N, C-alpha and C. Protein backbone atom coordinates (compact mmCIF):
# COMPACT_ATOMS: atom_id res chain seq x y z
N MET A 1 0.85 -1.20 0.00
CA MET A 1 0.00 0.00 0.00
C MET A 1 0.88 1.24 0.00
N ASN A 2 0.54 2.18 -0.84
CA ASN A 2 1.28 3.41 -0.95
C ASN A 2 1.03 4.27 0.29
N ASP A 3 2.02 5.03 0.70
CA ASP A 3 1.88 5.80 1.94
C ASP A 3 1.58 7.28 1.72
N LYS A 4 1.10 7.66 0.55
CA LYS A 4 0.74 9.06 0.29
C LYS A 4 -0.54 9.42 1.05
N ARG A 5 -0.56 10.66 1.52
CA ARG A 5 -1.75 11.18 2.21
C ARG A 5 -2.23 12.43 1.49
N ILE A 6 -3.49 12.42 1.14
CA ILE A 6 -4.12 13.53 0.43
C ILE A 6 -5.14 14.18 1.36
N LEU A 7 -5.14 15.49 1.42
CA LEU A 7 -6.17 16.22 2.15
C LEU A 7 -7.13 16.82 1.13
N LEU A 8 -8.39 16.46 1.23
CA LEU A 8 -9.43 17.03 0.38
C LEU A 8 -10.18 18.07 1.20
N ILE A 9 -10.22 19.30 0.69
CA ILE A 9 -10.99 20.37 1.34
C ILE A 9 -12.14 20.71 0.39
N ASP A 10 -13.33 20.24 0.72
CA ASP A 10 -14.50 20.42 -0.14
C ASP A 10 -15.75 20.30 0.74
N ASP A 11 -16.70 21.19 0.53
CA ASP A 11 -17.90 21.19 1.37
C ASP A 11 -18.99 20.25 0.88
N GLU A 12 -18.85 19.66 -0.30
CA GLU A 12 -19.88 18.78 -0.85
C GLU A 12 -19.62 17.32 -0.47
N GLU A 13 -20.57 16.72 0.24
CA GLU A 13 -20.41 15.34 0.70
C GLU A 13 -20.25 14.36 -0.45
N THR A 14 -20.97 14.57 -1.55
CA THR A 14 -20.87 13.67 -2.70
C THR A 14 -19.45 13.69 -3.26
N ILE A 15 -18.87 14.87 -3.40
CA ILE A 15 -17.49 14.98 -3.89
C ILE A 15 -16.53 14.30 -2.90
N GLN A 16 -16.75 14.53 -1.61
CA GLN A 16 -15.90 13.90 -0.60
C GLN A 16 -15.88 12.38 -0.77
N GLU A 17 -17.07 11.81 -0.94
CA GLU A 17 -17.18 10.35 -1.05
C GLU A 17 -16.52 9.82 -2.31
N VAL A 18 -16.81 10.43 -3.48
CA VAL A 18 -16.25 9.89 -4.72
C VAL A 18 -14.74 10.07 -4.79
N VAL A 19 -14.23 11.18 -4.27
CA VAL A 19 -12.79 11.39 -4.26
C VAL A 19 -12.12 10.36 -3.34
N GLN A 20 -12.65 10.21 -2.14
CA GLN A 20 -12.04 9.29 -1.19
C GLN A 20 -12.05 7.85 -1.72
N VAL A 21 -13.19 7.39 -2.18
CA VAL A 21 -13.29 6.02 -2.68
C VAL A 21 -12.40 5.83 -3.91
N GLY A 22 -12.47 6.75 -4.84
CA GLY A 22 -11.68 6.63 -6.07
C GLY A 22 -10.19 6.58 -5.81
N ILE A 23 -9.69 7.48 -4.98
CA ILE A 23 -8.25 7.53 -4.70
C ILE A 23 -7.80 6.30 -3.90
N GLU A 24 -8.61 5.90 -2.93
CA GLU A 24 -8.22 4.73 -2.13
C GLU A 24 -8.23 3.46 -2.96
N ILE A 25 -9.20 3.31 -3.86
CA ILE A 25 -9.25 2.11 -4.70
C ILE A 25 -8.13 2.14 -5.74
N GLU A 26 -7.96 3.27 -6.42
CA GLU A 26 -6.98 3.34 -7.51
C GLU A 26 -5.54 3.31 -7.01
N ALA A 27 -5.25 4.05 -5.94
CA ALA A 27 -3.84 4.21 -5.54
C ALA A 27 -3.53 3.69 -4.14
N GLY A 28 -4.55 3.48 -3.33
CA GLY A 28 -4.30 3.05 -1.96
C GLY A 28 -3.80 4.17 -1.06
N TRP A 29 -3.98 5.41 -1.50
CA TRP A 29 -3.56 6.55 -0.69
C TRP A 29 -4.61 6.82 0.37
N GLN A 30 -4.16 7.38 1.48
CA GLN A 30 -5.07 7.78 2.56
C GLN A 30 -5.64 9.16 2.21
N VAL A 31 -6.95 9.32 2.40
CA VAL A 31 -7.60 10.60 2.12
C VAL A 31 -8.20 11.13 3.41
N GLU A 32 -7.76 12.31 3.81
CA GLU A 32 -8.35 13.03 4.93
C GLU A 32 -9.33 14.04 4.34
N ILE A 33 -10.42 14.30 5.04
CA ILE A 33 -11.44 15.20 4.51
C ILE A 33 -11.72 16.35 5.46
N ALA A 34 -11.75 17.54 4.89
CA ALA A 34 -12.16 18.74 5.62
C ALA A 34 -13.34 19.35 4.87
N SER A 35 -14.35 19.77 5.60
CA SER A 35 -15.56 20.32 4.98
C SER A 35 -15.54 21.83 4.85
N SER A 36 -14.49 22.47 5.35
CA SER A 36 -14.40 23.93 5.26
C SER A 36 -12.93 24.34 5.15
N GLY A 37 -12.74 25.58 4.74
CA GLY A 37 -11.38 26.09 4.63
C GLY A 37 -10.65 26.10 5.97
N LEU A 38 -11.33 26.56 7.03
CA LEU A 38 -10.69 26.61 8.35
C LEU A 38 -10.32 25.22 8.85
N GLN A 39 -11.23 24.26 8.68
CA GLN A 39 -10.95 22.89 9.09
C GLN A 39 -9.78 22.33 8.27
N GLY A 40 -9.74 22.67 6.99
CA GLY A 40 -8.66 22.21 6.12
C GLY A 40 -7.30 22.76 6.53
N ILE A 41 -7.28 24.02 6.90
CA ILE A 41 -6.02 24.63 7.35
C ILE A 41 -5.53 23.94 8.62
N ASP A 42 -6.44 23.69 9.56
CA ASP A 42 -6.08 22.98 10.79
C ASP A 42 -5.54 21.59 10.50
N LEU A 43 -6.23 20.85 9.63
CA LEU A 43 -5.78 19.50 9.29
C LEU A 43 -4.44 19.52 8.55
N ALA A 44 -4.26 20.49 7.67
CA ALA A 44 -2.99 20.59 6.94
C ALA A 44 -1.83 20.80 7.91
N GLN A 45 -2.05 21.61 8.94
CA GLN A 45 -1.00 21.86 9.93
C GLN A 45 -0.70 20.62 10.75
N THR A 46 -1.73 19.92 11.19
CA THR A 46 -1.52 18.78 12.08
C THR A 46 -1.17 17.49 11.35
N GLN A 47 -1.73 17.28 10.17
CA GLN A 47 -1.53 16.03 9.44
C GLN A 47 -0.37 16.07 8.45
N GLN A 48 0.01 17.26 7.99
CA GLN A 48 1.07 17.42 7.00
C GLN A 48 0.90 16.46 5.81
N PRO A 49 -0.20 16.63 5.05
CA PRO A 49 -0.44 15.73 3.91
C PRO A 49 0.60 15.94 2.81
N ASP A 50 0.67 14.96 1.90
CA ASP A 50 1.60 15.06 0.77
C ASP A 50 1.08 16.01 -0.30
N ALA A 51 -0.24 16.20 -0.34
CA ALA A 51 -0.86 17.13 -1.29
C ALA A 51 -2.25 17.48 -0.79
N ILE A 52 -2.75 18.61 -1.30
CA ILE A 52 -4.08 19.09 -0.92
C ILE A 52 -4.90 19.29 -2.19
N LEU A 53 -6.12 18.73 -2.19
CA LEU A 53 -7.11 19.02 -3.23
C LEU A 53 -8.06 20.02 -2.62
N LEU A 54 -8.21 21.16 -3.26
CA LEU A 54 -8.94 22.28 -2.67
C LEU A 54 -10.03 22.78 -3.61
N ASP A 55 -11.27 22.72 -3.13
CA ASP A 55 -12.40 23.25 -3.89
C ASP A 55 -12.31 24.77 -3.93
N VAL A 56 -12.62 25.36 -5.07
CA VAL A 56 -12.55 26.81 -5.20
C VAL A 56 -13.77 27.47 -4.56
N MET A 57 -14.96 26.93 -4.82
CA MET A 57 -16.19 27.58 -4.35
C MET A 57 -16.74 26.87 -3.12
N MET A 58 -16.56 27.50 -1.96
CA MET A 58 -17.08 26.98 -0.70
C MET A 58 -17.67 28.14 0.09
N PRO A 59 -18.66 27.86 0.95
CA PRO A 59 -19.20 28.94 1.79
C PRO A 59 -18.19 29.34 2.86
N ASP A 60 -18.43 30.45 3.49
CA ASP A 60 -17.58 30.99 4.57
C ASP A 60 -16.21 31.41 4.06
N MET A 61 -15.31 30.46 3.84
CA MET A 61 -13.98 30.78 3.32
C MET A 61 -13.79 30.01 2.02
N ASP A 62 -13.68 30.74 0.90
CA ASP A 62 -13.54 30.07 -0.39
C ASP A 62 -12.12 29.50 -0.56
N GLY A 63 -11.93 28.78 -1.64
CA GLY A 63 -10.65 28.13 -1.89
C GLY A 63 -9.49 29.10 -2.06
N ILE A 64 -9.76 30.25 -2.64
CA ILE A 64 -8.69 31.23 -2.86
C ILE A 64 -8.20 31.79 -1.52
N SER A 65 -9.14 32.10 -0.62
CA SER A 65 -8.75 32.58 0.71
C SER A 65 -8.04 31.48 1.50
N THR A 66 -8.53 30.25 1.37
CA THR A 66 -7.89 29.12 2.05
C THR A 66 -6.47 28.94 1.55
N LEU A 67 -6.29 28.99 0.24
CA LEU A 67 -4.95 28.86 -0.36
C LEU A 67 -4.02 29.95 0.17
N SER A 68 -4.53 31.16 0.22
CA SER A 68 -3.72 32.28 0.71
C SER A 68 -3.23 32.03 2.13
N ARG A 69 -4.10 31.50 2.98
CA ARG A 69 -3.70 31.22 4.36
C ARG A 69 -2.74 30.04 4.45
N LEU A 70 -2.94 29.04 3.59
CA LEU A 70 -2.02 27.90 3.56
C LEU A 70 -0.62 28.35 3.13
N LYS A 71 -0.55 29.21 2.11
CA LYS A 71 0.73 29.68 1.59
C LYS A 71 1.44 30.64 2.56
N ALA A 72 0.66 31.31 3.41
CA ALA A 72 1.24 32.26 4.37
C ALA A 72 1.76 31.57 5.64
N ASN A 73 1.41 30.29 5.81
CA ASN A 73 1.77 29.56 7.01
C ASN A 73 3.04 28.74 6.76
N HIS A 74 4.06 28.90 7.59
CA HIS A 74 5.32 28.20 7.36
C HIS A 74 5.18 26.68 7.45
N GLN A 75 4.16 26.18 8.17
CA GLN A 75 3.94 24.74 8.30
C GLN A 75 3.29 24.13 7.06
N THR A 76 2.58 24.94 6.28
CA THR A 76 1.81 24.39 5.16
C THR A 76 2.19 24.96 3.80
N LYS A 77 3.06 25.95 3.75
CA LYS A 77 3.32 26.63 2.48
C LYS A 77 3.98 25.75 1.42
N ALA A 78 4.68 24.69 1.82
CA ALA A 78 5.37 23.84 0.85
C ALA A 78 4.50 22.67 0.36
N ILE A 79 3.31 22.49 0.94
CA ILE A 79 2.44 21.39 0.51
C ILE A 79 1.83 21.75 -0.85
N PRO A 80 2.00 20.88 -1.85
CA PRO A 80 1.40 21.19 -3.16
C PRO A 80 -0.12 21.18 -3.10
N VAL A 81 -0.72 22.19 -3.73
CA VAL A 81 -2.18 22.34 -3.74
C VAL A 81 -2.68 22.26 -5.18
N ILE A 82 -3.73 21.46 -5.37
CA ILE A 82 -4.40 21.36 -6.66
C ILE A 82 -5.84 21.83 -6.45
N PHE A 83 -6.26 22.82 -7.24
CA PHE A 83 -7.64 23.29 -7.15
C PHE A 83 -8.58 22.32 -7.85
N LEU A 84 -9.76 22.14 -7.27
CA LEU A 84 -10.87 21.45 -7.92
C LEU A 84 -11.92 22.51 -8.19
N THR A 85 -12.38 22.61 -9.44
CA THR A 85 -13.35 23.66 -9.75
C THR A 85 -14.26 23.27 -10.90
N ALA A 86 -15.44 23.86 -10.90
CA ALA A 86 -16.38 23.68 -12.00
C ALA A 86 -16.10 24.72 -13.09
N LYS A 87 -15.23 25.67 -12.81
CA LYS A 87 -14.88 26.69 -13.81
C LYS A 87 -13.98 26.04 -14.85
N THR A 88 -14.44 26.02 -16.10
CA THR A 88 -13.71 25.26 -17.11
C THR A 88 -13.06 26.13 -18.19
N GLN A 89 -13.28 27.42 -18.14
CA GLN A 89 -12.67 28.29 -19.15
C GLN A 89 -11.15 28.34 -18.96
N ALA A 90 -10.43 28.37 -20.05
CA ALA A 90 -8.96 28.42 -19.99
C ALA A 90 -8.48 29.64 -19.22
N THR A 91 -9.17 30.77 -19.37
CA THR A 91 -8.76 31.98 -18.65
C THR A 91 -8.95 31.81 -17.14
N ASP A 92 -10.03 31.13 -16.75
CA ASP A 92 -10.26 30.85 -15.32
C ASP A 92 -9.14 29.98 -14.78
N LYS A 93 -8.81 28.92 -15.51
CA LYS A 93 -7.76 28.00 -15.06
C LYS A 93 -6.41 28.73 -14.95
N ASP A 94 -6.10 29.55 -15.94
CA ASP A 94 -4.83 30.30 -15.91
C ASP A 94 -4.79 31.25 -14.72
N GLN A 95 -5.92 31.92 -14.47
CA GLN A 95 -5.99 32.85 -13.34
C GLN A 95 -5.80 32.10 -12.02
N LEU A 96 -6.43 30.94 -11.89
CA LEU A 96 -6.30 30.15 -10.66
C LEU A 96 -4.87 29.64 -10.49
N LYS A 97 -4.26 29.18 -11.58
CA LYS A 97 -2.88 28.68 -11.50
C LYS A 97 -1.91 29.79 -11.11
N SER A 98 -2.22 31.02 -11.49
CA SER A 98 -1.33 32.14 -11.16
C SER A 98 -1.31 32.43 -9.66
N LEU A 99 -2.24 31.86 -8.90
CA LEU A 99 -2.31 32.08 -7.46
C LEU A 99 -1.33 31.20 -6.67
N GLY A 100 -0.69 30.26 -7.37
CA GLY A 100 0.31 29.44 -6.69
C GLY A 100 -0.05 27.97 -6.53
N VAL A 101 -1.13 27.53 -7.19
CA VAL A 101 -1.44 26.10 -7.14
C VAL A 101 -0.61 25.37 -8.19
N VAL A 102 -0.44 24.08 -7.99
CA VAL A 102 0.33 23.27 -8.93
C VAL A 102 -0.46 23.08 -10.23
N ASP A 103 -1.76 22.86 -10.08
CA ASP A 103 -2.61 22.66 -11.27
C ASP A 103 -4.06 22.83 -10.87
N VAL A 104 -4.94 22.72 -11.86
CA VAL A 104 -6.38 22.85 -11.66
C VAL A 104 -7.05 21.65 -12.32
N ILE A 105 -7.87 20.93 -11.56
CA ILE A 105 -8.65 19.82 -12.10
C ILE A 105 -10.10 20.27 -12.13
N THR A 106 -10.73 20.13 -13.31
CA THR A 106 -12.10 20.60 -13.44
C THR A 106 -13.11 19.51 -13.06
N LYS A 107 -14.20 19.96 -12.45
CA LYS A 107 -15.33 19.10 -12.15
C LYS A 107 -16.28 19.16 -13.33
N PRO A 108 -16.92 18.10 -13.71
CA PRO A 108 -16.79 16.77 -13.11
C PRO A 108 -15.50 16.09 -13.59
N PHE A 109 -14.98 15.21 -12.77
CA PHE A 109 -13.78 14.45 -13.12
C PHE A 109 -14.10 12.97 -12.94
N ASN A 110 -13.25 12.12 -13.49
CA ASN A 110 -13.43 10.68 -13.34
C ASN A 110 -12.77 10.26 -12.03
N SER A 111 -13.57 9.88 -11.05
CA SER A 111 -13.01 9.55 -9.73
C SER A 111 -12.10 8.33 -9.77
N MET A 112 -12.29 7.46 -10.75
CA MET A 112 -11.48 6.24 -10.80
C MET A 112 -10.12 6.46 -11.47
N THR A 113 -9.92 7.65 -12.06
CA THR A 113 -8.60 7.96 -12.62
C THR A 113 -8.01 9.22 -11.97
N LEU A 114 -8.66 9.71 -10.92
CA LEU A 114 -8.21 10.93 -10.26
C LEU A 114 -6.80 10.77 -9.67
N ALA A 115 -6.54 9.63 -9.03
CA ALA A 115 -5.21 9.41 -8.44
C ALA A 115 -4.12 9.43 -9.52
N SER A 116 -4.40 8.83 -10.67
CA SER A 116 -3.43 8.86 -11.78
C SER A 116 -3.19 10.29 -12.23
N GLN A 117 -4.24 11.07 -12.30
CA GLN A 117 -4.14 12.47 -12.70
C GLN A 117 -3.29 13.25 -11.69
N ILE A 118 -3.52 13.02 -10.40
CA ILE A 118 -2.74 13.69 -9.36
C ILE A 118 -1.28 13.27 -9.43
N ALA A 119 -1.06 11.97 -9.59
CA ALA A 119 0.32 11.45 -9.67
C ALA A 119 1.06 12.07 -10.85
N LYS A 120 0.39 12.19 -11.97
CA LYS A 120 1.01 12.80 -13.16
C LYS A 120 1.36 14.27 -12.90
N ILE A 121 0.44 15.00 -12.31
CA ILE A 121 0.65 16.43 -12.02
C ILE A 121 1.85 16.60 -11.07
N LEU A 122 1.94 15.75 -10.06
CA LEU A 122 2.96 15.92 -9.02
C LEU A 122 4.24 15.11 -9.28
N GLY A 123 4.25 14.32 -10.37
CA GLY A 123 5.42 13.53 -10.69
C GLY A 123 5.64 12.35 -9.75
N TRP A 124 4.55 11.81 -9.23
CA TRP A 124 4.62 10.66 -8.33
C TRP A 124 4.51 9.37 -9.12
N LYS A 125 5.16 8.33 -8.63
CA LYS A 125 4.99 6.99 -9.21
C LYS A 125 3.80 6.33 -8.52
N MET A 126 3.07 5.51 -9.31
CA MET A 126 1.93 4.79 -8.71
C MET A 126 2.23 3.31 -8.66
């Protein structure tokens, strides 16, 4: 079993379930789940995941604000972050990437190939 740990920060339970099941089945990676930006920041500090999947549109604290706080924190600034978003325009993706994320994965995505997509983005072997 691979020892990678992914933190998913997303407020939608359906997304949480499909991401967790897909990644665990495909790659055997552990998936931690946070339902809000603040909870995600706390988990990122305590769990030190290998990567973070971050939803852009969330209530209270959106993904962009969450990313800003993660990047400003010395404990979490080096963790690679990949945005998950329903925004599919190339200009939206370019704008999001300019904020300091490694890449942007658009929703809907194939949950059974998500781990392969993450591994490719981050240069990980599966």
